[in-house]
Amino acid sequence: MLDPISEMLTKIRNAQTAGLSNVSLSFSKLKLALAKILEKEGFIESVAKEKQADFDVLKIVLKYYTVSNTQKIPAIKGLRRISKEGQRIYVRNKDIKQVKNNYGIAIISTSKGVMTDYESKRSGLGGEYICEVW
C-alpha cells in the first residue's frame, strides 16, 4: 500500500461503479477526516469507525439518488487525487480555484486540519491540495 488516500478514493469509486451499499477501509485519522468532509458535503450517507478482530476499520455507507425503481445514480460523479506521494502539490489561499464551476469541492490539508476549498479560502489558509470530488 503505497498511497492510502489513493486507495481510499479508488475503493469508493469502484464500489459506486459496482453499485455496492458500503465500503470498508483500514482506519487512519486522515481517512476519517476526508470521509467526514464527504459526509458533511452530502457525497456519502455516513461514516463510522468500527472494531474488527484486532484492528479498526472505517465503514463508509455510499449515497445514491433513485431515478426509477431499477436505476440509481451515485452521488459522487468523480474523484481525482491531486497531490500524490511522488509529487506533493501545495496551494496558497489565493490560488485555490473552483471545482467544476462550484458543483464540486476540493479537499485541502492545512495547518488547522483538513477542510474544503471554501473553508480554506474563508480561513485564509493554504496547504496540500489532496483531492477533488464532484
C-alpha atoms as a PDB file:
ATOM      1  CA  MET A   1       0.000   0.000   0.000  1.00  0.00           C
ATOM      2  CA  LEU A   2       1.951   2.977  -1.250  1.00  0.00           C
ATOM      3  CA  ASP A   3      -0.685   5.692  -1.093  1.00  0.00           C
ATOM      4  CA  PRO A   4      -3.563   5.058   1.336  1.00  0.00           C
ATOM      5  CA  ILE A   5      -5.570   8.100   0.192  1.00  0.00           C
ATOM      6  CA  SER A   6      -5.478   6.992  -3.458  1.00  0.00           C
ATOM      7  CA  GLU A   7      -6.517   3.525  -2.309  1.00  0.00           C
ATOM      8  CA  MET A   8      -9.459   5.017  -0.392  1.00  0.00           C
ATOM      9  CA  LEU A   9     -10.647   7.079  -3.363  1.00  0.00           C
ATOM     10  CA  THR A  10     -10.282   4.136  -5.737  1.00  0.00           C
ATOM     11  CA  LYS A  11     -12.243   1.809  -3.441  1.00  0.00           C
ATOM     12  CA  ILE A  12     -15.069   4.363  -3.199  1.00  0.00           C
ATOM     13  CA  ARG A  13     -15.067   4.856  -6.981  1.00  0.00           C
ATOM     14  CA  ASN A  14     -15.089   1.104  -7.681  1.00  0.00           C
ATOM     15  CA  ALA A  15     -17.795   0.386  -5.094  1.00  0.00           C
ATOM     16  CA  GLN A  16     -20.098   3.009  -6.581  1.00  0.00           C
ATOM     17  CA  THR A  17     -19.492   1.688 -10.083  1.00  0.00           C
ATOM     18  CA  ALA A  18     -20.431  -1.795  -8.848  1.00  0.00           C
ATOM     19  CA  GLY A  19     -23.497  -0.447  -7.015  1.00  0.00           C
ATOM     20  CA  LEU A  20     -22.389  -1.559  -3.545  1.00  0.00           C
ATOM     21  CA  SER A  21     -24.028  -0.037  -0.481  1.00  0.00           C
ATOM     22  CA  ASN A  22     -20.905   0.336   1.669  1.00  0.00           C
ATOM     23  CA  VAL A  23     -17.107   0.187   1.695  1.00  0.00           C
ATOM     24  CA  SER A  24     -14.746  -0.950   4.449  1.00  0.00           C
ATOM     25  CA  LEU A  25     -11.244   0.530   4.684  1.00  0.00           C
ATOM     26  CA  SER A  26      -8.381   0.305   7.103  1.00  0.00           C
ATOM     27  CA  PHE A  27      -8.634   3.138   9.636  1.00  0.00           C
ATOM     28  CA  SER A  28      -6.491   6.264   9.800  1.00  0.00           C
ATOM     29  CA  LYS A  29      -7.205   9.737  11.132  1.00  0.00           C
ATOM     30  CA  LEU A  30      -6.678  11.337   7.716  1.00  0.00           C
ATOM     31  CA  LYS A  31      -9.113   8.927   6.023  1.00  0.00           C
ATOM     32  CA  LEU A  32     -11.656   9.629   8.768  1.00  0.00           C
ATOM     33  CA  ALA A  33     -11.251  13.395   8.261  1.00  0.00           C
ATOM     34  CA  LEU A  34     -11.708  13.020   4.479  1.00  0.00           C
ATOM     35  CA  ALA A  35     -14.783  10.834   4.949  1.00  0.00           C
ATOM     36  CA  LYS A  36     -16.298  13.298   7.457  1.00  0.00           C
ATOM     37  CA  ILE A  37     -15.923  16.079   4.881  1.00  0.00           C
ATOM     38  CA  LEU A  38     -17.588  13.918   2.215  1.00  0.00           C
ATOM     39  CA  GLU A  39     -20.428  13.186   4.647  1.00  0.00           C
ATOM     40  CA  LYS A  40     -20.847  16.852   5.591  1.00  0.00           C
ATOM     41  CA  GLU A  41     -20.936  17.907   1.935  1.00  0.00           C
ATOM     42  CA  GLY A  42     -23.549  15.249   1.076  1.00  0.00           C
ATOM     43  CA  PHE A  43     -21.448  12.919  -1.083  1.00  0.00           C
ATOM     44  CA  ILE A  44     -21.822   9.893   1.235  1.00  0.00           C
ATOM     45  CA  GLU A  45     -24.537   8.805   3.687  1.00  0.00           C
ATOM     46  CA  SER A  46     -22.460   8.097   6.785  1.00  0.00           C
ATOM     47  CA  VAL A  47     -19.066   7.099   8.108  1.00  0.00           C
ATOM     48  CA  ALA A  48     -18.252   5.087  11.222  1.00  0.00           C
ATOM     49  CA  LYS A  49     -15.201   3.684  12.970  1.00  0.00           C
ATOM     50  CA  GLU A  50     -15.684   0.005  13.820  1.00  0.00           C
ATOM     51  CA  LYS A  51     -13.569  -2.597  15.560  1.00  0.00           C
ATOM     52  CA  GLN A  52     -12.897  -5.833  13.650  1.00  0.00           C
ATOM     53  CA  ALA A  53     -10.713  -8.504  15.288  1.00  0.00           C
ATOM     54  CA  ASP A  54      -7.555  -6.661  16.372  1.00  0.00           C
ATOM     55  CA  PHE A  55      -7.725  -3.518  14.253  1.00  0.00           C
ATOM     56  CA  ASP A  56     -10.023  -0.589  13.479  1.00  0.00           C
ATOM     57  CA  VAL A  57     -11.985  -0.327  10.230  1.00  0.00           C
ATOM     58  CA  LEU A  58     -13.575   2.709   8.598  1.00  0.00           C
ATOM     59  CA  LYS A  59     -17.030   1.840   7.235  1.00  0.00           C
ATOM     60  CA  ILE A  60     -18.466   4.229   4.636  1.00  0.00           C
ATOM     61  CA  VAL A  61     -22.119   3.977   3.570  1.00  0.00           C
ATOM     62  CA  LEU A  62     -22.420   5.245  -0.010  1.00  0.00           C
ATOM     63  CA  LYS A  63     -25.147   7.578  -1.230  1.00  0.00           C
ATOM     64  CA  TYR A  64     -27.260   7.040  -4.344  1.00  0.00           C
ATOM     65  CA  TYR A  65     -30.073   9.002  -5.992  1.00  0.00           C
ATOM     66  CA  THR A  66     -33.026   6.912  -7.194  1.00  0.00           C
ATOM     67  CA  VAL A  67     -34.030   7.604 -10.792  1.00  0.00           C
ATOM     68  CA  SER A  68     -36.558   4.792 -11.144  1.00  0.00           C
ATOM     69  CA  ASN A  69     -37.397   1.525  -9.397  1.00  0.00           C
ATOM     70  CA  THR A  70     -34.454  -0.233 -11.016  1.00  0.00           C
ATOM     71  CA  GLN A  71     -31.958   2.572 -11.593  1.00  0.00           C
ATOM     72  CA  LYS A  72     -29.877   4.548  -9.117  1.00  0.00           C
ATOM     73  CA  ILE A  73     -27.170   7.141  -9.715  1.00  0.00           C
ATOM     74  CA  PRO A  74     -24.146   7.569  -7.406  1.00  0.00           C
ATOM     75  CA  ALA A  75     -23.896  10.888  -5.554  1.00  0.00           C
ATOM     76  CA  ILE A  76     -20.185  11.075  -6.417  1.00  0.00           C
ATOM     77  CA  LYS A  77     -19.716  11.642 -10.143  1.00  0.00           C
ATOM     78  CA  GLY A  78     -15.928  11.749  -9.969  1.00  0.00           C
ATOM     79  CA  LEU A  79     -12.913  11.675  -7.673  1.00  0.00           C
ATOM     80  CA  ARG A  80      -9.419  12.836  -8.567  1.00  0.00           C
ATOM     81  CA  ARG A  81      -6.274  12.678  -6.463  1.00  0.00           C
ATOM     82  CA  ILE A  82      -4.169  15.797  -6.985  1.00  0.00           C
ATOM     83  CA  SER A  83      -1.247  15.663  -4.555  1.00  0.00           C
ATOM     84  CA  LYS A  84       0.443  12.280  -4.835  1.00  0.00           C
ATOM     85  CA  GLU A  85       3.180  10.507  -2.897  1.00  0.00           C
ATOM     86  CA  GLY A  86       5.761  11.245  -5.579  1.00  0.00           C
ATOM     87  CA  GLN A  87       4.713  14.843  -6.226  1.00  0.00           C
ATOM     88  CA  ARG A  88       3.110  16.883  -3.495  1.00  0.00           C
ATOM     89  CA  ILE A  89       1.013  19.831  -4.677  1.00  0.00           C
ATOM     90  CA  TYR A  90       0.644  22.829  -2.385  1.00  0.00           C
ATOM     91  CA  VAL A  91      -1.595  25.843  -2.977  1.00  0.00           C
ATOM     92  CA  ARG A  92      -1.795  29.273  -1.458  1.00  0.00           C
ATOM     93  CA  ASN A  93      -5.078  30.724  -0.307  1.00  0.00           C
ATOM     94  CA  LYS A  94      -5.358  32.994  -3.356  1.00  0.00           C
ATOM     95  CA  ASP A  95      -4.556  30.187  -5.831  1.00  0.00           C
ATOM     96  CA  ILE A  96      -7.464  27.887  -4.879  1.00  0.00           C
ATOM     97  CA  LYS A  97      -9.785  27.557  -7.863  1.00  0.00           C
ATOM     98  CA  GLN A  98     -13.393  26.359  -8.150  1.00  0.00           C
ATOM     99  CA  VAL A  99     -14.004  22.677  -8.874  1.00  0.00           C
ATOM    100  CA  LYS A 100     -16.427  22.023 -11.750  1.00  0.00           C
ATOM    101  CA  ASN A 101     -17.837  25.568 -11.544  1.00  0.00           C
ATOM    102  CA  ASN A 102     -18.659  25.150  -7.807  1.00  0.00           C
ATOM    103  CA  TYR A 103     -20.509  21.842  -8.312  1.00  0.00           C
ATOM    104  CA  GLY A 104     -17.622  20.014  -6.650  1.00  0.00           C
ATOM    105  CA  ILE A 105     -15.245  20.504  -3.759  1.00  0.00           C
ATOM    106  CA  ALA A 106     -11.519  20.409  -3.242  1.00  0.00           C
ATOM    107  CA  ILE A 107     -10.130  18.924  -0.037  1.00  0.00           C
ATOM    108  CA  ILE A 108      -7.083  20.679   1.366  1.00  0.00           C
ATOM    109  CA  SER A 109      -4.888  19.713   4.306  1.00  0.00           C
ATOM    110  CA  THR A 110      -3.995  22.915   6.158  1.00  0.00           C
ATOM    111  CA  SER A 111      -2.189  23.694   9.389  1.00  0.00           C
ATOM    112  CA  LYS A 112      -5.615  23.900  11.096  1.00  0.00           C
ATOM    113  CA  GLY A 113      -6.726  20.456   9.814  1.00  0.00           C
ATOM    114  CA  VAL A 114      -8.358  19.008   6.720  1.00  0.00           C
ATOM    115  CA  MET A 115     -11.011  21.270   5.168  1.00  0.00           C
ATOM    116  CA  THR A 116     -12.804  22.108   1.934  1.00  0.00           C
ATOM    117  CA  ASP A 117     -11.631  24.746  -0.519  1.00  0.00           C
ATOM    118  CA  TYR A 118     -14.356  27.138   0.617  1.00  0.00           C
ATOM    119  CA  GLU A 119     -13.414  26.829   4.304  1.00  0.00           C
ATOM    120  CA  SER A 120      -9.737  27.167   3.452  1.00  0.00           C
ATOM    121  CA  LYS A 121     -10.310  30.389   1.497  1.00  0.00           C
ATOM    122  CA  ARG A 122     -12.532  31.782   4.241  1.00  0.00           C
ATOM    123  CA  SER A 123      -9.881  30.986   6.875  1.00  0.00           C
ATOM    124  CA  GLY A 124      -7.117  32.477   4.752  1.00  0.00           C
ATOM    125  CA  LEU A 125      -5.101  29.242   4.753  1.00  0.00           C
ATOM    126  CA  GLY A 126      -3.343  27.286   2.052  1.00  0.00           C
ATOM    127  CA  GLY A 127      -1.936  23.789   2.207  1.00  0.00           C
ATOM    128  CA  GLU A 128      -1.609  20.457   0.472  1.00  0.00           C
ATOM    129  CA  TYR A 129      -4.208  20.013  -2.292  1.00  0.00           C
ATOM    130  CA  ILE A 130      -5.317  16.445  -1.563  1.00  0.00           C
ATOM    131  CA  CYS A 131      -8.173  15.727  -3.987  1.00  0.00           C
ATOM    132  CA  GLU A 132     -11.226  16.958  -5.884  1.00  0.00           C
ATOM    133  CA  VAL A 133     -14.730  15.491  -5.629  1.00  0.00           C
ATOM    134  CA  TRP A 134     -17.718  16.296  -7.834  1.00  0.00           C
END
